[in-house]
Protein backbone atom coordinates (compact mmCIF):
# COMPACT_ATOMS: atom_id res chain seq x y z
CA UNK A 1 59.70 -75.42 -53.96
CA UNK A 2 61.42 -77.19 -51.08
CA UNK A 3 61.34 -80.67 -49.63
CA UNK A 4 62.45 -82.56 -46.55
CA UNK A 5 64.49 -85.73 -46.88
CA UNK A 6 64.98 -88.43 -44.23
CA UNK A 7 68.24 -90.35 -44.10
CA UNK A 8 68.69 -93.44 -41.96
CA UNK A 9 72.33 -93.96 -41.03
CA UNK A 10 74.47 -95.87 -38.52
CA UNK A 11 74.88 -93.88 -35.31
CA UNK A 12 78.65 -93.61 -35.86
CA UNK A 13 78.04 -91.80 -39.15
CA UNK A 14 75.47 -89.49 -37.56
CA UNK A 15 77.82 -88.70 -34.65
CA UNK A 16 80.51 -87.78 -37.18
CA UNK A 17 78.20 -85.26 -38.84
CA UNK A 18 77.63 -87.45 -41.88
CA UNK A 19 81.33 -87.74 -42.69
CA UNK A 20 82.64 -91.19 -43.46
CA UNK A 21 86.16 -92.53 -43.74
CA UNK A 22 87.39 -92.59 -47.33
CA UNK A 23 87.66 -96.09 -48.72
CA UNK A 24 90.94 -96.65 -50.55
CA UNK A 25 90.84 -96.89 -54.32
CA UNK A 26 92.52 -100.30 -54.13
CA UNK A 27 89.73 -101.60 -51.88
CA UNK A 28 87.04 -100.18 -54.17
CA UNK A 29 88.67 -101.68 -57.27
CA UNK A 30 88.89 -105.07 -55.58
CA UNK A 31 85.23 -104.88 -54.49
CA UNK A 32 83.82 -103.91 -57.88
CA UNK A 33 85.91 -106.51 -59.72
CA UNK A 34 84.49 -109.12 -57.35
CA UNK A 35 81.01 -108.07 -58.53
CA UNK A 36 81.71 -109.25 -62.09
CA UNK A 37 79.87 -112.52 -62.81
CA UNK A 38 81.15 -114.79 -65.59
CA UNK A 39 78.44 -117.25 -66.58
CA UNK A 40 78.80 -120.57 -68.35
CA UNK A 41 76.96 -119.27 -71.45
CA UNK A 42 79.54 -116.49 -71.99
CA UNK A 43 77.61 -113.69 -70.26
CA UNK A 44 79.78 -111.26 -68.27
CA UNK A 45 77.60 -109.14 -65.96
CA UNK A 46 78.14 -106.66 -63.12
CA UNK A 47 76.13 -107.69 -60.04
CA UNK A 48 75.14 -105.73 -56.92
CA UNK A 49 74.50 -102.41 -58.64
CA UNK A 50 72.11 -100.47 -56.36
CA UNK A 51 68.57 -100.09 -57.71
CA UNK A 52 67.05 -96.62 -57.53
CA UNK A 53 63.53 -96.32 -58.93
CA UNK A 54 63.16 -93.02 -60.79
CA UNK A 55 59.50 -92.94 -59.77
CA UNK A 56 56.63 -91.05 -61.43
CA UNK A 57 58.62 -87.82 -61.73
CA UNK A 58 60.62 -89.36 -64.58
CA UNK A 59 64.01 -88.64 -63.02
CA UNK A 60 65.85 -91.19 -65.16
CA UNK A 61 69.14 -89.25 -65.35
CA UNK A 62 69.37 -88.41 -61.61
CA UNK A 63 68.35 -91.96 -60.62
CA UNK A 64 70.85 -93.50 -63.02
CA UNK A 65 73.71 -91.32 -61.83
CA UNK A 66 72.83 -91.97 -58.17
CA UNK A 67 73.09 -95.71 -58.82
CA UNK A 68 76.55 -95.41 -60.38
CA UNK A 69 77.81 -92.94 -57.79
CA UNK A 70 76.67 -95.02 -54.84
CA UNK A 71 78.16 -98.12 -56.43
CA UNK A 72 81.54 -96.34 -56.39
CA UNK A 73 81.14 -95.06 -52.81
CA UNK A 74 80.18 -91.50 -53.77
CA UNK A 75 77.18 -90.33 -51.66
CA UNK A 76 74.28 -89.31 -53.89
CA UNK A 77 70.58 -88.50 -53.71
CA UNK A 78 68.30 -88.58 -56.75
CA UNK A 79 66.36 -85.48 -55.69
CA UNK A 80 69.48 -83.39 -55.03
CA UNK A 81 70.87 -84.53 -58.36
CA UNK A 82 67.58 -83.55 -60.02
CA UNK A 83 67.92 -80.05 -58.55
CA UNK A 84 71.55 -79.82 -59.73
CA UNK A 85 70.51 -80.94 -63.21
CA UNK A 86 67.49 -78.59 -63.25
CA UNK A 87 65.12 -81.51 -63.84
CA UNK A 88 61.46 -80.75 -64.34
CA UNK A 89 58.51 -83.00 -63.63
CA UNK A 90 58.51 -85.71 -66.27
CA UNK A 91 62.28 -85.66 -66.59
CA UNK A 92 64.29 -83.87 -69.22
CA UNK A 93 67.61 -83.72 -67.37
CA UNK A 94 70.71 -83.07 -69.44
CA UNK A 95 73.51 -85.49 -68.47
CA UNK A 96 76.08 -82.88 -69.53
CA UNK A 97 74.53 -80.21 -67.26
CA UNK A 98 74.33 -82.64 -64.36
CA UNK A 99 77.97 -83.66 -64.79
CA UNK A 100 79.07 -80.00 -64.88
CA UNK A 101 77.06 -79.30 -61.72
CA UNK A 102 78.38 -82.21 -59.64
CA UNK A 103 81.74 -82.88 -61.28
CA UNK A 104 83.73 -81.07 -58.57
CA UNK A 105 81.99 -83.04 -55.79
CA UNK A 106 82.76 -86.31 -57.56
CA UNK A 107 86.40 -85.26 -58.05
CA UNK A 108 86.76 -84.53 -54.32
CA UNK A 109 85.84 -88.16 -53.74
CA UNK A 110 88.70 -89.26 -55.98
CA UNK A 111 86.43 -90.15 -58.91
CA UNK A 112 85.97 -88.65 -62.36
CA UNK A 113 83.45 -88.64 -65.20
CA UNK A 114 84.72 -89.77 -68.60
CA UNK A 115 82.63 -89.30 -71.74
CA UNK A 116 83.19 -92.06 -74.26
CA UNK A 117 82.89 -91.81 -78.03
CA UNK A 118 79.99 -93.06 -80.12
CA UNK A 119 82.23 -95.85 -81.47
CA UNK A 120 82.61 -97.23 -77.95
CA UNK A 121 79.17 -98.86 -78.25
CA UNK A 122 80.71 -102.21 -79.08
CA UNK A 123 81.46 -105.33 -77.10
CA UNK A 124 85.20 -104.96 -77.68
CA UNK A 125 85.23 -101.41 -76.23
CA UNK A 126 82.67 -101.87 -73.45
CA UNK A 127 84.21 -105.11 -72.19
CA UNK A 128 87.24 -103.37 -70.66
CA UNK A 129 84.95 -101.35 -68.39
CA UNK A 130 82.63 -104.24 -67.53
CA UNK A 131 85.58 -106.53 -66.81
CA UNK A 132 86.85 -103.94 -64.31
CA UNK A 133 83.41 -103.77 -62.67
CA UNK A 134 82.63 -100.30 -64.05
CA UNK A 135 79.06 -99.72 -65.30
CA UNK A 136 78.57 -97.45 -68.34
CA UNK A 137 75.78 -94.87 -68.59
CA UNK A 138 74.18 -94.95 -72.04
CA UNK A 139 72.00 -92.19 -73.48
CA UNK A 140 69.48 -93.69 -75.89
CA UNK A 141 65.88 -93.69 -77.16
CA UNK A 142 63.59 -95.99 -75.18
CA UNK A 143 61.09 -96.69 -77.97
CA UNK A 144 58.23 -99.18 -77.86
CA UNK A 145 60.02 -101.41 -80.37
CA UNK A 146 63.20 -101.38 -78.30
CA UNK A 147 61.45 -102.27 -75.04
CA UNK A 148 59.27 -104.95 -76.59
CA UNK A 149 62.33 -106.50 -78.24
CA UNK A 150 64.44 -106.36 -75.06
CA UNK A 151 61.62 -107.81 -72.94
CA UNK A 152 60.95 -110.70 -75.32
CA UNK A 153 64.66 -111.36 -75.84
CA UNK A 154 65.36 -111.43 -72.11
CA UNK A 155 62.47 -113.80 -71.40
CA UNK A 156 63.55 -116.13 -74.21
CA UNK A 157 67.14 -116.09 -73.00
CA UNK A 158 66.07 -117.52 -69.65
CA UNK A 159 64.72 -120.62 -71.44
CA UNK A 160 67.71 -121.09 -73.77
CA UNK A 161 70.09 -124.03 -73.41
CA UNK A 162 71.61 -124.20 -76.91
CA UNK A 163 73.82 -121.10 -76.99
CA UNK A 164 75.32 -121.98 -80.37
CA UNK A 165 71.83 -121.78 -81.89
CA UNK A 166 71.18 -118.61 -79.89
CA UNK A 167 74.27 -116.96 -81.40
CA UNK A 168 72.95 -117.70 -84.90
CA UNK A 169 69.55 -116.29 -83.95
CA UNK A 170 71.18 -113.10 -82.66
CA UNK A 171 73.15 -112.82 -85.89
CA UNK A 172 69.87 -112.87 -87.81
CA UNK A 173 68.35 -110.28 -85.45
CA UNK A 174 71.41 -108.08 -85.94
CA UNK A 175 71.09 -108.30 -89.72
CA UNK A 176 67.41 -107.32 -89.54
CA UNK A 177 68.29 -104.28 -87.42
CA UNK A 178 70.37 -102.80 -90.26
CA UNK A 179 67.17 -101.85 -92.08
CA UNK A 180 65.63 -100.02 -89.12
CA UNK A 181 65.33 -96.24 -89.15
CA UNK A 182 67.38 -94.42 -86.50
CA UNK A 183 65.21 -93.52 -83.48
CA UNK A 184 65.00 -89.92 -82.24
CA UNK A 185 62.28 -89.90 -79.57
CA UNK A 186 61.63 -91.11 -76.00
CA UNK A 187 65.09 -90.02 -74.87
CA UNK A 188 66.28 -91.95 -71.85
CA UNK A 189 69.41 -93.16 -70.05
CA UNK A 190 70.20 -96.69 -68.91
CA UNK A 191 73.27 -98.42 -67.52
CA UNK A 192 75.19 -101.02 -69.54
CA UNK A 193 76.19 -103.76 -67.09
CA UNK A 194 77.22 -106.71 -69.22
CA UNK A 195 78.08 -108.28 -72.54
CA UNK A 196 78.35 -111.58 -74.38
CA UNK A 197 81.16 -111.65 -76.92
CA UNK A 198 79.91 -114.71 -78.80
CA UNK A 199 76.37 -113.38 -79.35
CA UNK A 200 77.35 -109.67 -79.70
CA UNK A 201 74.81 -108.70 -77.03
CA UNK A 202 74.91 -106.19 -74.19
CA UNK A 203 73.02 -106.27 -70.90
CA UNK A 204 71.54 -103.06 -69.53
CA UNK A 205 69.52 -101.99 -66.50
CA UNK A 206 66.77 -99.37 -66.23
CA UNK A 207 66.00 -97.32 -63.13
CA UNK A 208 62.44 -98.65 -63.11
CA UNK A 209 62.66 -101.13 -60.26
CA UNK A 210 63.84 -104.76 -59.86
CA UNK A 211 61.85 -106.10 -62.85
CA UNK A 212 64.16 -104.12 -65.12
CA UNK A 213 67.45 -104.95 -63.41
CA UNK A 214 68.83 -106.89 -66.41
CA UNK A 215 67.72 -106.92 -70.05
CA UNK A 216 69.53 -107.85 -73.25
CA UNK A 217 69.83 -106.52 -76.80
CA UNK A 218 72.29 -107.00 -79.68
CA UNK A 219 74.79 -104.27 -80.52
CA UNK A 220 73.33 -103.59 -84.02
CA UNK A 221 69.86 -103.22 -82.46
CA UNK A 222 71.30 -100.90 -79.80
CA UNK A 223 72.89 -98.77 -82.52
CA UNK A 224 69.41 -98.00 -83.94
CA UNK A 225 68.35 -96.29 -80.70
CA UNK A 226 71.60 -94.78 -79.44
CA UNK A 227 72.00 -91.06 -78.83
CA UNK A 228 75.79 -91.44 -79.11
CA UNK A 229 76.45 -90.49 -75.47
CA UNK A 230 78.27 -92.85 -73.10
CA UNK A 231 79.64 -91.98 -69.67
CA UNK A 232 81.62 -93.84 -67.05
CA UNK A 233 82.66 -92.87 -63.52
CA UNK A 234 86.23 -93.98 -62.98
CA UNK A 235 88.59 -94.16 -60.03
């Protein structure tokens, strides 16, 4: 029931017993704002979010929280987070339990967890976090339909040049989503990292490796798979 972890660090950090100088909040805010990319097609996306692959154990919650914590200069390790969240093989970590377990450690680093409301799954609400460089953890249902749609949509987006026509296509996709039954299986967490106000789309990233670093879906489609849980680590 134990494991050994290897950490590779600069010698100065090792000589200091693993302690590092605290980076000022002003410096962190400036750094994460500088990570916000504003593209010519209207996409606003957070870049340079660390990738942590959850691996075969299915540690989606610990991997996702490690990514956000490291991004905001809070040391984190997926396996320690899995232990704190009482994760079993195959996943099943409760975000609420994990937050309760590590909340005090995060607070000592000058950060805090905020839980957002279900109505915050909208471009108008999410944009204020993305614009500040703050990624948002989203609890949802990673169904086959959702993944197939996001994969196809993302691939098609890369070939698109007429964004006015794309906005109309996304409007039609959003209308079609209104007839979909609400999903309640394949529970998962991802990180919302971007939005496009004109097309009413959000960008999200999975902890499945670089191939899944950025995918897109419309807000109405996202609403059919949401578990109504959103979290953000703030300074």
